Amino acid sequence: MLLEGVFRRYGFDFRNYARASLRRRLRRRRDLEGIPTVSGLLERLLHDPLCMERLLLDLSINVTAMFRDPEFYRAFRRTVVPMLRTYPYVRIWNAGCSTGEETYSLAILLAEEGLLDRTRIYATDINQAVLARARDGVFPLEKMREYTENYQAAGGTRAFSEYYLAAYDGVRFDPMLAANVVFAQHNLVADRSFNEFHVVLCRNVLIYFDKTLQDRVHHLFFDSLTRFGILALGQKESVAFSPHEADYQPLDDAQRLYRRVGRPTAQNAASQTTASRTTATRTTATQTAATQTAATQTAAVRGAWGR
């Protein structure tokens, strides 16, 4: 009843999330709100949008780190980067980007491989609050030792400290890393494909969905990839037993890197065209604003970073 009420009131559909994780997060929010019953929590959610924002933070998947699973990034350099070099322009979708650690890790890797200048990264999440943090590019100073070790293990070619400036208890990453990144809200449950991508990277998100929702998202990713595009999933995720298992060829099965080889059906192609027009309209303003911001800041950024 609570999830149905949230969906009808706010349009966020959590009805097919994994039940155990969902119950745990709902109980936590109920306790933090000081409400004894789930029905009481629903009543507050329906009449207090700020309470809904807090619940959205609870339900969003925000477990992340820079260069998390370093061997994945080594595999990406080894198997995916050579393919990306064959394209004059690269589009990557980082779905479920959370607070941006994965997006900045990807940008650093692409910069070191000489591909960032001709790549557009679309970093999306359901949660506007975490997207705001991702846009800022500011992360806790205390995490830098861990992130440096991850970066080195992932095959980084420079001193990791060259990518950020430290101030007080935080660090701000070089804004030029995000100059070609569009941060935008997208709901994997309800929204459709909005472009055609050479890489779709969505790691450690599907594990929080039930099988019905996982299949729906697999359809979305398949429709969003170019032919021979790359799907990157998390360690505990796979295309095995998905509706499109036969449409992918493993590039590195251990690191969950797959190349799409199947062709879209006529129905899927028509659906993608319609969805692209609809959702692209919603993201155009965000993309334009990001581009304008990057342009106006370039001179100041280069001066501040001595470039």
Protein backbone atom coordinates (compact mmCIF):
# COMPACT_ATOMS: atom_id res chain seq x y z
CA MET A 1 0.00 0.00 0.00
CA LEU A 2 2.83 2.42 0.85
CA LEU A 3 4.66 1.83 -2.44
CA GLU A 4 1.41 2.18 -4.40
CA GLY A 5 0.68 5.45 -2.60
CA VAL A 6 4.17 6.80 -3.34
CA PHE A 7 3.79 5.86 -7.00
CA ARG A 8 0.39 7.54 -7.36
CA ARG A 9 1.43 10.69 -5.47
CA TYR A 10 4.97 11.24 -6.78
CA GLY A 11 5.44 8.92 -9.77
CA PHE A 12 8.39 7.02 -8.26
CA ASP A 13 7.87 3.29 -8.76
CA PHE A 14 9.63 1.10 -6.19
CA ARG A 15 7.09 -1.73 -6.40
CA ASN A 16 9.53 -4.15 -8.03
CA TYR A 17 12.56 -3.48 -5.86
CA ALA A 18 14.05 -6.45 -3.99
CA ARG A 19 11.79 -6.98 -0.98
CA ALA A 20 14.38 -7.61 1.73
CA SER A 21 16.35 -4.46 0.96
CA LEU A 22 13.14 -2.46 0.56
CA ARG A 23 11.72 -3.51 3.91
CA ARG A 24 14.99 -2.68 5.65
CA ARG A 25 15.13 0.82 4.19
CA LEU A 26 11.46 1.55 4.88
CA ARG A 27 11.83 0.47 8.51
CA ARG A 28 14.85 2.72 8.86
CA ARG A 29 12.96 5.74 7.50
CA ARG A 30 9.93 4.99 9.70
CA ASP A 31 12.16 4.86 12.80
CA LEU A 32 14.03 8.05 11.88
CA GLU A 33 10.74 9.86 11.40
CA GLY A 34 9.59 8.68 14.82
CA ILE A 35 6.50 6.99 13.40
CA PRO A 36 5.34 3.66 14.91
CA THR A 37 3.51 2.23 11.87
CA VAL A 38 3.93 1.94 8.10
CA SER A 39 0.48 3.45 7.59
CA GLY A 40 1.61 6.45 9.61
CA LEU A 41 4.69 6.77 7.40
CA LEU A 42 2.47 6.67 4.30
CA GLU A 43 0.28 9.44 5.70
CA ARG A 44 3.29 11.67 6.26
CA LEU A 45 4.75 10.87 2.85
CA LEU A 46 1.52 11.82 1.09
CA HIS A 47 1.35 15.22 2.80
CA ASP A 48 5.03 16.09 3.31
CA PRO A 49 7.19 16.28 0.16
CA LEU A 50 10.30 16.81 2.31
CA CYS A 51 9.68 13.43 3.93
CA MET A 52 9.46 11.95 0.44
CA GLU A 53 12.84 13.48 -0.42
CA ARG A 54 14.34 11.82 2.65
CA LEU A 55 12.82 8.47 1.69
CA LEU A 56 14.13 8.85 -1.85
CA LEU A 57 17.63 9.23 -0.44
CA ASP A 58 17.08 6.04 1.57
CA LEU A 59 15.83 4.07 -1.44
CA SER A 60 18.43 5.31 -3.92
CA ILE A 61 21.48 3.11 -4.38
CA ASN A 62 24.35 5.26 -3.13
CA VAL A 63 27.07 2.73 -2.29
CA THR A 64 29.96 3.85 -4.47
CA ALA A 65 33.69 4.58 -4.62
CA MET A 66 36.20 5.84 -7.16
CA PHE A 67 37.73 3.02 -9.21
CA ARG A 68 35.70 0.50 -7.26
CA ASP A 69 36.68 -3.02 -8.36
CA PRO A 70 40.01 -1.93 -9.95
CA GLU A 71 40.26 -5.02 -12.14
CA PHE A 72 37.08 -3.90 -13.93
CA TYR A 73 38.83 -0.70 -15.03
CA ARG A 74 41.87 -2.67 -16.17
CA ALA A 75 39.57 -4.84 -18.26
CA PHE A 76 37.81 -1.75 -19.62
CA ARG A 77 41.15 -0.28 -20.73
CA ARG A 78 42.21 -3.57 -22.27
CA THR A 79 39.03 -4.61 -24.10
CA VAL A 80 36.72 -1.61 -24.49
CA VAL A 81 39.07 1.33 -25.13
CA PRO A 82 40.47 -0.14 -28.40
CA MET A 83 36.90 -0.38 -29.72
CA LEU A 84 36.06 3.16 -28.70
CA ARG A 85 39.09 4.44 -30.63
CA THR A 86 37.38 3.38 -33.86
CA TYR A 87 34.56 5.92 -33.39
CA PRO A 88 34.89 9.62 -34.29
CA TYR A 89 32.62 10.49 -31.35
CA VAL A 90 31.67 8.36 -28.34
CA ARG A 91 28.48 8.38 -26.27
CA ILE A 92 28.47 6.68 -22.88
CA TRP A 93 25.56 6.28 -20.48
CA ASN A 94 26.51 5.91 -16.80
CA ALA A 95 23.15 4.82 -15.40
CA GLY A 96 22.67 5.03 -11.65
CA CYS A 97 25.68 7.33 -11.25
CA SER A 98 24.87 8.22 -7.62
CA THR A 99 27.21 10.94 -6.27
CA GLY A 100 29.54 10.74 -9.26
CA GLU A 101 32.55 8.72 -8.12
CA GLU A 102 32.10 6.23 -10.95
CA THR A 103 31.57 9.00 -13.50
CA TYR A 104 34.78 10.81 -12.53
CA SER A 105 36.68 7.51 -12.53
CA LEU A 106 35.50 6.87 -16.08
CA ALA A 107 36.40 10.42 -17.13
CA ILE A 108 39.94 10.03 -15.73
CA LEU A 109 40.41 6.74 -17.56
CA LEU A 110 39.18 8.22 -20.84
CA ALA A 111 41.40 11.30 -20.39
CA GLU A 112 44.46 9.11 -19.92
CA GLU A 113 43.54 7.15 -23.03
CA GLY A 114 43.11 10.35 -25.09
CA LEU A 115 39.37 9.82 -25.60
CA LEU A 116 37.68 12.23 -23.20
CA ASP A 117 37.66 15.21 -25.59
CA ARG A 118 35.54 13.28 -28.09
CA THR A 119 33.28 11.56 -25.58
CA ARG A 120 29.97 12.67 -24.12
CA ILE A 121 29.08 10.96 -20.83
CA TYR A 122 25.43 11.00 -19.76
CA ALA A 123 25.42 10.40 -15.99
CA THR A 124 21.91 9.77 -14.70
CA ASP A 125 20.23 8.93 -11.43
CA ILE A 126 16.69 9.02 -10.04
CA ASN A 127 17.79 11.22 -7.14
CA GLN A 128 18.27 14.95 -7.75
CA ALA A 129 20.11 15.41 -4.44
CA VAL A 130 22.90 12.98 -5.32
CA LEU A 131 23.09 14.44 -8.84
CA ALA A 132 23.74 17.88 -7.31
CA ARG A 133 26.64 16.43 -5.34
CA ALA A 134 27.96 14.72 -8.46
CA ARG A 135 27.92 17.99 -10.40
CA ASP A 136 29.99 19.66 -7.68
CA GLY A 137 32.75 17.06 -7.97
CA VAL A 138 33.59 17.43 -4.27
CA PHE A 139 34.46 14.32 -2.24
CA PRO A 140 35.68 13.66 1.32
CA LEU A 141 39.41 14.15 1.86
CA GLU A 142 39.45 11.06 4.09
CA LYS A 143 38.56 8.89 1.09
CA MET A 144 41.54 9.92 -1.03
CA ARG A 145 43.92 7.28 0.32
CA GLU A 146 41.48 4.51 -0.57
CA TYR A 147 40.72 6.07 -3.94
CA THR A 148 44.42 6.51 -4.70
CA GLU A 149 45.06 2.83 -4.01
CA ASN A 150 42.10 1.89 -6.22
CA TYR A 151 43.35 4.17 -9.00
CA GLN A 152 46.83 2.67 -8.93
CA ALA A 153 45.45 -0.88 -8.90
CA ALA A 154 43.18 0.06 -11.84
CA GLY A 155 46.21 0.92 -14.01
CA GLY A 156 46.27 4.70 -13.56
CA THR A 157 49.18 6.35 -15.36
CA ARG A 158 49.61 9.56 -13.35
CA ALA A 159 49.74 10.71 -9.75
CA PHE A 160 46.14 10.61 -8.58
CA SER A 161 46.59 13.86 -6.63
CA GLU A 162 47.05 15.71 -9.93
CA TYR A 163 43.31 15.40 -10.53
CA TYR A 164 42.07 17.29 -7.47
CA LEU A 165 42.67 20.22 -5.14
CA ALA A 166 42.30 19.76 -1.38
CA ALA A 167 40.59 22.33 0.83
CA TYR A 168 39.63 21.80 4.49
CA ASP A 169 38.04 18.34 4.79
CA GLY A 170 37.18 17.90 1.10
CA VAL A 171 38.70 17.76 -2.35
CA ARG A 172 37.38 19.19 -5.60
CA PHE A 173 38.16 17.32 -8.78
CA ASP A 174 39.32 19.16 -11.86
CA PRO A 175 36.13 20.58 -13.46
CA MET A 176 37.57 19.87 -16.89
CA LEU A 177 36.92 16.18 -16.19
CA ALA A 178 33.19 16.97 -16.19
CA ALA A 179 33.22 19.37 -19.14
CA ASN A 180 31.77 16.65 -21.39
CA VAL A 181 29.46 15.15 -18.77
CA VAL A 182 25.70 15.73 -18.69
CA PHE A 183 24.21 15.02 -15.26
CA ALA A 184 20.46 14.45 -15.56
CA GLN A 185 17.59 12.75 -13.76
CA HIS A 186 16.43 9.46 -15.25
CA ASN A 187 14.25 6.75 -13.74
CA LEU A 188 15.28 3.26 -14.85
CA VAL A 189 11.90 1.94 -13.74
CA ALA A 190 9.65 4.34 -15.64
CA ASP A 191 11.68 6.21 -18.28
CA ARG A 192 12.63 4.97 -21.72
CA SER A 193 15.77 5.07 -23.83
CA PHE A 194 16.82 8.61 -24.73
CA ASN A 195 19.77 8.08 -27.08
CA GLU A 196 21.93 5.45 -28.74
CA PHE A 197 25.15 4.68 -26.87
CA HIS A 198 28.45 2.98 -27.53
CA VAL A 199 28.69 2.02 -23.84
CA VAL A 200 26.03 1.57 -21.18
CA LEU A 201 27.61 1.27 -17.74
CA CYS A 202 25.32 0.35 -14.85
CA ARG A 203 27.13 -1.45 -12.06
CA ASN A 204 25.67 -2.77 -8.83
CA VAL A 205 22.14 -1.43 -9.39
CA LEU A 206 20.26 -4.40 -10.86
CA ILE A 207 20.97 -6.47 -7.74
CA TYR A 208 18.44 -4.30 -5.88
CA PHE A 209 15.64 -5.10 -8.37
CA ASP A 210 13.43 -8.17 -8.58
CA LYS A 211 13.47 -10.36 -11.71
CA THR A 212 10.57 -8.55 -13.39
CA LEU A 213 12.25 -5.18 -13.05
CA GLN A 214 15.66 -6.57 -14.02
CA ASP A 215 14.17 -7.86 -17.28
CA ARG A 216 12.57 -4.49 -17.95
CA VAL A 217 15.88 -2.70 -17.46
CA HIS A 218 17.70 -5.23 -19.65
CA HIS A 219 15.24 -4.35 -22.44
CA LEU A 220 16.01 -0.66 -21.85
CA PHE A 221 19.77 -1.17 -22.06
CA PHE A 222 19.52 -3.36 -25.15
CA ASP A 223 17.43 -0.72 -26.91
CA SER A 224 19.91 1.99 -25.85
CA LEU A 225 23.03 0.36 -27.32
CA THR A 226 24.38 0.66 -30.82
CA ARG A 227 25.05 -2.62 -32.55
CA PHE A 228 28.35 -3.89 -31.11
CA GLY A 229 27.90 -1.46 -28.20
CA ILE A 230 29.23 -2.45 -24.77
CA LEU A 231 27.18 -3.27 -21.67
CA ALA A 232 29.06 -3.08 -18.35
CA LEU A 233 27.46 -4.57 -15.25
CA GLY A 234 28.48 -5.18 -11.63
CA GLN A 235 30.27 -8.21 -10.22
CA LYS A 236 27.04 -9.87 -9.04
CA GLU A 237 25.09 -9.06 -12.20
CA SER A 238 24.97 -10.73 -15.60
CA VAL A 239 23.10 -10.98 -18.88
CA ALA A 240 22.64 -14.69 -18.17
CA PHE A 241 18.96 -15.65 -17.83
CA SER A 242 17.94 -12.19 -19.08
CA PRO A 243 15.64 -11.76 -22.11
CA HIS A 244 18.67 -10.70 -24.17
CA GLU A 245 21.20 -13.33 -23.13
CA ALA A 246 21.59 -14.49 -26.74
CA ASP A 247 22.04 -10.92 -27.98
CA TYR A 248 25.39 -10.37 -26.24
CA GLN A 249 28.89 -11.75 -26.65
CA PRO A 250 31.12 -11.80 -23.55
CA LEU A 251 34.19 -9.60 -23.84
CA ASP A 252 35.31 -10.29 -20.29
CA ASP A 253 32.77 -12.45 -18.51
CA ALA A 254 34.58 -12.22 -15.16
CA GLN A 255 34.34 -8.41 -15.23
CA ARG A 256 30.82 -8.42 -16.70
CA LEU A 257 31.68 -6.72 -19.98
CA TYR A 258 29.45 -7.71 -22.90
CA ARG A 259 29.20 -6.67 -26.55
CA ARG A 260 25.81 -6.42 -28.15
CA VAL A 261 25.51 -8.47 -31.34
CA GLY A 262 21.73 -8.84 -31.67
CA ARG A 263 19.66 -6.62 -33.93
CA PRO A 264 16.67 -4.66 -32.58
CA THR A 265 13.21 -5.77 -33.60
CA ALA A 266 11.16 -3.36 -35.70
CA GLN A 267 8.96 -2.74 -32.65
CA ASN A 268 11.95 -1.93 -30.46
CA ALA A 269 13.42 0.37 -33.09
CA ALA A 270 10.16 2.30 -33.42
CA SER A 271 9.79 2.48 -29.64
CA GLN A 272 13.35 3.80 -29.28
CA THR A 273 12.75 6.52 -31.87
CA THR A 274 9.61 7.75 -30.10
CA ALA A 275 11.20 7.55 -26.65
CA SER A 276 14.33 9.35 -27.82
CA ARG A 277 12.27 12.31 -29.00
CA THR A 278 10.32 12.47 -25.73
CA THR A 279 13.13 12.02 -23.21
CA ALA A 280 15.72 13.95 -25.19
CA THR A 281 13.46 17.00 -24.96
CA ARG A 282 13.57 16.71 -21.16
CA THR A 283 17.38 16.50 -21.08
CA THR A 284 18.14 19.19 -23.68
CA ALA A 285 17.98 22.03 -21.17
CA THR A 286 20.29 20.18 -18.79
CA GLN A 287 22.77 19.38 -21.54
CA THR A 288 22.75 22.96 -22.84
CA ALA A 289 23.25 24.37 -19.37
CA ALA A 290 26.15 21.99 -18.73
CA THR A 291 27.81 22.96 -22.00
CA GLN A 292 27.40 26.68 -21.36
CA THR A 293 28.72 26.34 -17.83
CA ALA A 294 31.77 24.44 -19.03
CA ALA A 295 32.48 27.09 -21.68
CA THR A 296 32.23 30.04 -19.31
CA GLN A 297 34.41 28.35 -16.70
CA THR A 298 37.16 27.10 -19.01
CA ALA A 299 39.46 30.12 -18.71
CA ALA A 300 39.13 30.30 -14.94
CA VAL A 301 39.61 26.54 -14.57
CA ARG A 302 42.75 26.49 -16.67
CA GLY A 303 44.17 29.36 -14.67
CA ALA A 304 43.38 27.75 -11.34
CA TRP A 305 44.87 24.43 -12.40
CA GLY A 306 47.85 25.94 -14.21
CA ARG A 307 46.84 24.60 -17.62
